[in-house]
Amino acid sequence: MGEEFWKHAVLVPPRSSPTSVHLKLDPDVFAFFKQQGKGHITRMQDVLKAYVKAQQGR
């Protein structure tokens, strides 16, 4: 790769690895997400991320 390629290159640091945790949820909360099908864990993570972002914006 020549100089032209590197001219506009941007250094992107590696993302940190997710932390594995054991989390106890109320059965109704877990059922709500699980009934929506595959990807329920990811959806729970997305809700937590949105909460963190909202709290940081205060």
PDB file of N, CA and C in Angstrom:
ATOM      1  N   MET A   1       0.841  -1.163   0.000  1.00  0.00           N
ATOM      2  CA  MET A   1       0.000   0.000   0.000  1.00  0.00           C
ATOM      3  C   MET A   1       0.897   1.240   0.000  1.00  0.00           C
ATOM      4  N   GLY A   2       0.538   2.136  -0.850  1.00  0.00           N
ATOM      5  CA  GLY A   2       1.360   3.322  -1.007  1.00  0.00           C
ATOM      6  C   GLY A   2       1.044   4.430  -0.013  1.00  0.00           C
ATOM      7  N   GLU A   3       1.788   5.521  -0.171  1.00  0.00           N
ATOM      8  CA  GLU A   3       1.630   6.677   0.712  1.00  0.00           C
ATOM      9  C   GLU A   3       0.213   7.252   0.660  1.00  0.00           C
ATOM     10  N   GLU A   4      -0.384   7.247  -0.510  1.00  0.00           N
ATOM     11  CA  GLU A   4      -1.729   7.807  -0.683  1.00  0.00           C
ATOM     12  C   GLU A   4      -2.757   7.081   0.192  1.00  0.00           C
ATOM     13  N   PHE A   5      -2.606   5.778   0.301  1.00  0.00           N
ATOM     14  CA  PHE A   5      -3.510   4.996   1.145  1.00  0.00           C
ATOM     15  C   PHE A   5      -3.413   5.457   2.600  1.00  0.00           C
ATOM     16  N   TRP A   6      -2.212   5.608   3.109  1.00  0.00           N
ATOM     17  CA  TRP A   6      -1.986   5.931   4.507  1.00  0.00           C
ATOM     18  C   TRP A   6      -2.247   7.410   4.824  1.00  0.00           C
ATOM     19  N   LYS A   7      -2.318   8.219   3.805  1.00  0.00           N
ATOM     20  CA  LYS A   7      -2.498   9.665   3.981  1.00  0.00           C
ATOM     21  C   LYS A   7      -3.764   9.988   4.781  1.00  0.00           C
ATOM     22  N   HIS A   8      -4.838   9.250   4.549  1.00  0.00           N
ATOM     23  CA  HIS A   8      -6.108   9.515   5.223  1.00  0.00           C
ATOM     24  C   HIS A   8      -6.489   8.423   6.230  1.00  0.00           C
ATOM     25  N   ALA A   9      -5.521   7.598   6.570  1.00  0.00           N
ATOM     26  CA  ALA A   9      -5.793   6.517   7.520  1.00  0.00           C
ATOM     27  C   ALA A   9      -6.069   7.090   8.910  1.00  0.00           C
ATOM     28  N   VAL A  10      -6.935   6.425   9.640  1.00  0.00           N
ATOM     29  CA  VAL A  10      -7.277   6.840  10.997  1.00  0.00           C
ATOM     30  C   VAL A  10      -7.008   5.668  11.926  1.00  0.00           C
ATOM     31  N   LEU A  11      -6.298   5.929  12.999  1.00  0.00           N
ATOM     32  CA  LEU A  11      -6.013   4.903  13.988  1.00  0.00           C
ATOM     33  C   LEU A  11      -7.276   4.658  14.819  1.00  0.00           C
ATOM     34  N   VAL A  12      -7.702   3.410  14.858  1.00  0.00           N
ATOM     35  CA  VAL A  12      -8.892   3.032  15.630  1.00  0.00           C
ATOM     36  C   VAL A  12      -8.440   2.061  16.711  1.00  0.00           C
ATOM     37  N   PRO A  13      -8.497   2.494  17.970  1.00  0.00           N
ATOM     38  CA  PRO A  13      -8.059   1.602  19.048  1.00  0.00           C
ATOM     39  C   PRO A  13      -8.997   0.402  19.166  1.00  0.00           C
ATOM     40  N   PRO A  14      -8.475  -0.737  19.595  1.00  0.00           N
ATOM     41  CA  PRO A  14      -9.328  -1.925  19.738  1.00  0.00           C
ATOM     42  C   PRO A  14     -10.372  -1.705  20.823  1.00  0.00           C
ATOM     43  N   ARG A  15     -11.551  -2.293  20.585  1.00  0.00           N
ATOM     44  CA  ARG A  15     -12.609  -2.219  21.594  1.00  0.00           C
ATOM     45  C   ARG A  15     -12.263  -3.158  22.738  1.00  0.00           C
ATOM     46  N   SER A  16     -12.648  -2.767  23.925  1.00  0.00           N
ATOM     47  CA  SER A  16     -12.396  -3.652  25.055  1.00  0.00           C
ATOM     48  C   SER A  16     -13.350  -4.841  24.995  1.00  0.00           C
ATOM     49  N   SER A  17     -12.930  -5.921  25.568  1.00  0.00           N
ATOM     50  CA  SER A  17     -13.753  -7.130  25.592  1.00  0.00           C
ATOM     51  C   SER A  17     -14.898  -6.948  26.578  1.00  0.00           C
ATOM     52  N   PRO A  18     -16.062  -7.499  26.265  1.00  0.00           N
ATOM     53  CA  PRO A  18     -17.176  -7.402  27.210  1.00  0.00           C
ATOM     54  C   PRO A  18     -16.856  -8.144  28.506  1.00  0.00           C
ATOM     55  N   THR A  19     -17.452  -7.703  29.575  1.00  0.00           N
ATOM     56  CA  THR A  19     -17.290  -8.344  30.872  1.00  0.00           C
ATOM     57  C   THR A  19     -18.430  -9.339  31.065  1.00  0.00           C
ATOM     58  N   SER A  20     -18.070 -10.546  31.417  1.00  0.00           N
ATOM     59  CA  SER A  20     -19.077 -11.575  31.667  1.00  0.00           C
ATOM     60  C   SER A  20     -19.545 -11.458  33.114  1.00  0.00           C
ATOM     61  N   VAL A  21     -20.865 -11.429  33.304  1.00  0.00           N
ATOM     62  CA  VAL A  21     -21.417 -11.320  34.659  1.00  0.00           C
ATOM     63  C   VAL A  21     -22.551 -12.325  34.830  1.00  0.00           C
ATOM     64  N   HIS A  22     -22.812 -12.651  36.068  1.00  0.00           N
ATOM     65  CA  HIS A  22     -23.981 -13.464  36.413  1.00  0.00           C
ATOM     66  C   HIS A  22     -25.019 -12.482  36.927  1.00  0.00           C
ATOM     67  N   LEU A  23     -26.169 -12.436  36.283  1.00  0.00           N
ATOM     68  CA  LEU A  23     -27.185 -11.449  36.608  1.00  0.00           C
ATOM     69  C   LEU A  23     -28.505 -12.136  36.910  1.00  0.00           C
ATOM     70  N   LYS A  24     -29.065 -11.845  38.050  1.00  0.00           N
ATOM     71  CA  LYS A  24     -30.379 -12.389  38.393  1.00  0.00           C
ATOM     72  C   LYS A  24     -31.431 -11.375  37.980  1.00  0.00           C
ATOM     73  N   LEU A  25     -32.415 -11.837  37.204  1.00  0.00           N
ATOM     74  CA  LEU A  25     -33.508 -10.993  36.746  1.00  0.00           C
ATOM     75  C   LEU A  25     -34.823 -11.532  37.253  1.00  0.00           C
ATOM     76  N   ASP A  26     -35.784 -10.634  37.417  1.00  0.00           N
ATOM     77  CA  ASP A  26     -37.134 -11.092  37.740  1.00  0.00           C
ATOM     78  C   ASP A  26     -37.633 -11.916  36.554  1.00  0.00           C
ATOM     79  N   PRO A  27     -38.348 -12.998  36.827  1.00  0.00           N
ATOM     80  CA  PRO A  27     -38.829 -13.862  35.737  1.00  0.00           C
ATOM     81  C   PRO A  27     -39.636 -13.114  34.681  1.00  0.00           C
ATOM     82  N   ASP A  28     -40.459 -12.148  35.099  1.00  0.00           N
ATOM     83  CA  ASP A  28     -41.274 -11.418  34.128  1.00  0.00           C
ATOM     84  C   ASP A  28     -40.434 -10.529  33.221  1.00  0.00           C
ATOM     85  N   VAL A  29     -39.344  -9.984  33.752  1.00  0.00           N
ATOM     86  CA  VAL A  29     -38.451  -9.159  32.934  1.00  0.00           C
ATOM     87  C   VAL A  29     -37.770 -10.033  31.883  1.00  0.00           C
ATOM     88  N   PHE A  30     -37.236 -11.166  32.313  1.00  0.00           N
ATOM     89  CA  PHE A  30     -36.569 -12.064  31.370  1.00  0.00           C
ATOM     90  C   PHE A  30     -37.550 -12.575  30.318  1.00  0.00           C
ATOM     91  N   ALA A  31     -38.749 -12.944  30.746  1.00  0.00           N
ATOM     92  CA  ALA A  31     -39.757 -13.460  29.812  1.00  0.00           C
ATOM     93  C   ALA A  31     -40.122 -12.412  28.766  1.00  0.00           C
ATOM     94  N   PHE A  32     -40.219 -11.153  29.188  1.00  0.00           N
ATOM     95  CA  PHE A  32     -40.548 -10.075  28.258  1.00  0.00           C
ATOM     96  C   PHE A  32     -39.559 -10.032  27.102  1.00  0.00           C
ATOM     97  N   PHE A  33     -38.266 -10.072  27.410  1.00  0.00           N
ATOM     98  CA  PHE A  33     -37.251 -10.012  26.362  1.00  0.00           C
ATOM     99  C   PHE A  33     -37.192 -11.310  25.567  1.00  0.00           C
ATOM    100  N   LYS A  34     -37.270 -12.439  26.258  1.00  0.00           N
ATOM    101  CA  LYS A  34     -37.138 -13.728  25.580  1.00  0.00           C
ATOM    102  C   LYS A  34     -38.301 -13.992  24.617  1.00  0.00           C
ATOM    103  N   GLN A  35     -39.495 -13.526  24.948  1.00  0.00           N
ATOM    104  CA  GLN A  35     -40.654 -13.759  24.081  1.00  0.00           C
ATOM    105  C   GLN A  35     -40.523 -13.048  22.743  1.00  0.00           C
ATOM    106  N   GLN A  36     -39.607 -12.098  22.656  1.00  0.00           N
ATOM    107  CA  GLN A  36     -39.381 -11.378  21.403  1.00  0.00           C
ATOM    108  C   GLN A  36     -38.470 -12.156  20.452  1.00  0.00           C
ATOM    109  N   GLY A  37     -37.969 -13.298  20.914  1.00  0.00           N
ATOM    110  CA  GLY A  37     -37.193 -14.176  20.050  1.00  0.00           C
ATOM    111  C   GLY A  37     -35.690 -14.019  20.180  1.00  0.00           C
ATOM    112  N   LYS A  38     -35.009 -14.590  19.211  1.00  0.00           N
ATOM    113  CA  LYS A  38     -33.549 -14.607  19.204  1.00  0.00           C
ATOM    114  C   LYS A  38     -32.991 -13.196  19.349  1.00  0.00           C
ATOM    115  N   GLY A  39     -31.929 -13.088  20.123  1.00  0.00           N
ATOM    116  CA  GLY A  39     -31.288 -11.791  20.332  1.00  0.00           C
ATOM    117  C   GLY A  39     -31.745 -11.095  21.606  1.00  0.00           C
ATOM    118  N   HIS A  40     -32.420 -11.843  22.481  1.00  0.00           N
ATOM    119  CA  HIS A  40     -32.950 -11.208  23.691  1.00  0.00           C
ATOM    120  C   HIS A  40     -31.848 -10.674  24.608  1.00  0.00           C
ATOM    121  N   ILE A  41     -30.724 -11.343  24.662  1.00  0.00           N
ATOM    122  CA  ILE A  41     -29.618 -10.863  25.502  1.00  0.00           C
ATOM    123  C   ILE A  41     -29.070  -9.547  24.935  1.00  0.00           C
ATOM    124  N   THR A  42     -28.938  -9.485  23.623  1.00  0.00           N
ATOM    125  CA  THR A  42     -28.461  -8.265  22.972  1.00  0.00           C
ATOM    126  C   THR A  42     -29.435  -7.115  23.212  1.00  0.00           C
ATOM    127  N   ARG A  43     -30.734  -7.387  23.145  1.00  0.00           N
ATOM    128  CA  ARG A  43     -31.727  -6.338  23.405  1.00  0.00           C
ATOM    129  C   ARG A  43     -31.629  -5.835  24.848  1.00  0.00           C
ATOM    130  N   MET A  44     -31.403  -6.743  25.792  1.00  0.00           N
ATOM    131  CA  MET A  44     -31.227  -6.314  27.183  1.00  0.00           C
ATOM    132  C   MET A  44     -29.998  -5.415  27.310  1.00  0.00           C
ATOM    133  N   GLN A  45     -28.919  -5.785  26.645  1.00  0.00           N
ATOM    134  CA  GLN A  45     -27.698  -4.977  26.649  1.00  0.00           C
ATOM    135  C   GLN A  45     -27.973  -3.596  26.057  1.00  0.00           C
ATOM    136  N   ASP A  46     -28.744  -3.544  24.975  1.00  0.00           N
ATOM    137  CA  ASP A  46     -29.070  -2.269  24.336  1.00  0.00           C
ATOM    138  C   ASP A  46     -29.865  -1.353  25.268  1.00  0.00           C
ATOM    139  N   VAL A  47     -30.784  -1.940  26.030  1.00  0.00           N
ATOM    140  CA  VAL A  47     -31.564  -1.151  26.994  1.00  0.00           C
ATOM    141  C   VAL A  47     -30.648  -0.591  28.075  1.00  0.00           C
ATOM    142  N   LEU A  48     -29.730  -1.411  28.570  1.00  0.00           N
ATOM    143  CA  LEU A  48     -28.792  -0.936  29.591  1.00  0.00           C
ATOM    144  C   LEU A  48     -27.885   0.167  29.053  1.00  0.00           C
ATOM    145  N   LYS A  49     -27.421   0.022  27.817  1.00  0.00           N
ATOM    146  CA  LYS A  49     -26.588   1.068  27.206  1.00  0.00           C
ATOM    147  C   LYS A  49     -27.349   2.372  27.078  1.00  0.00           C
ATOM    148  N   ALA A  50     -28.617   2.295  26.671  1.00  0.00           N
ATOM    149  CA  ALA A  50     -29.443   3.498  26.529  1.00  0.00           C
ATOM    150  C   ALA A  50     -29.636   4.178  27.886  1.00  0.00           C
ATOM    151  N   TYR A  51     -29.818   3.385  28.924  1.00  0.00           N
ATOM    152  CA  TYR A  51     -29.968   3.939  30.271  1.00  0.00           C
ATOM    153  C   TYR A  51     -28.695   4.679  30.701  1.00  0.00           C
ATOM    154  N   VAL A  52     -27.551   4.049  30.479  1.00  0.00           N
ATOM    155  CA  VAL A  52     -26.275   4.669  30.842  1.00  0.00           C
ATOM    156  C   VAL A  52     -26.102   5.979  30.093  1.00  0.00           C
ATOM    157  N   LYS A  53     -26.375   5.966  28.806  1.00  0.00           N
ATOM    158  CA  LYS A  53     -26.234   7.178  27.980  1.00  0.00           C
ATOM    159  C   LYS A  53     -27.153   8.280  28.476  1.00  0.00           C
ATOM    160  N   ALA A  54     -28.391   7.952  28.841  1.00  0.00           N
ATOM    161  CA  ALA A  54     -29.341   8.938  29.343  1.00  0.00           C
ATOM    162  C   ALA A  54     -28.874   9.517  30.677  1.00  0.00           C
ATOM    163  N   GLN A  55     -28.319   8.663  31.540  1.00  0.00           N
ATOM    164  CA  GLN A  55     -27.845   9.126  32.840  1.00  0.00           C
ATOM    165  C   GLN A  55     -26.620  10.027  32.713  1.00  0.00           C
ATOM    166  N   GLN A  56     -25.767   9.731  31.748  1.00  0.00           N
ATOM    167  CA  GLN A  56     -24.561  10.537  31.545  1.00  0.00           C
ATOM    168  C   GLN A  56     -24.897  11.906  30.950  1.00  0.00           C
ATOM    169  N   GLY A  57     -26.048  12.010  30.295  1.00  0.00           N
ATOM    170  CA  GLY A  57     -26.449  13.271  29.678  1.00  0.00           C
ATOM    171  C   GLY A  57     -27.100  14.239  30.639  1.00  0.00           C
ATOM    172  N   ARG A  58     -27.245  13.873  31.883  1.00  0.00           N
ATOM    173  CA  ARG A  58     -27.902  14.737  32.880  1.00  0.00           C
ATOM    174  C   ARG A  58     -27.075  15.942  33.193  1.00  0.00           C
TER     175      ARG A  58
END
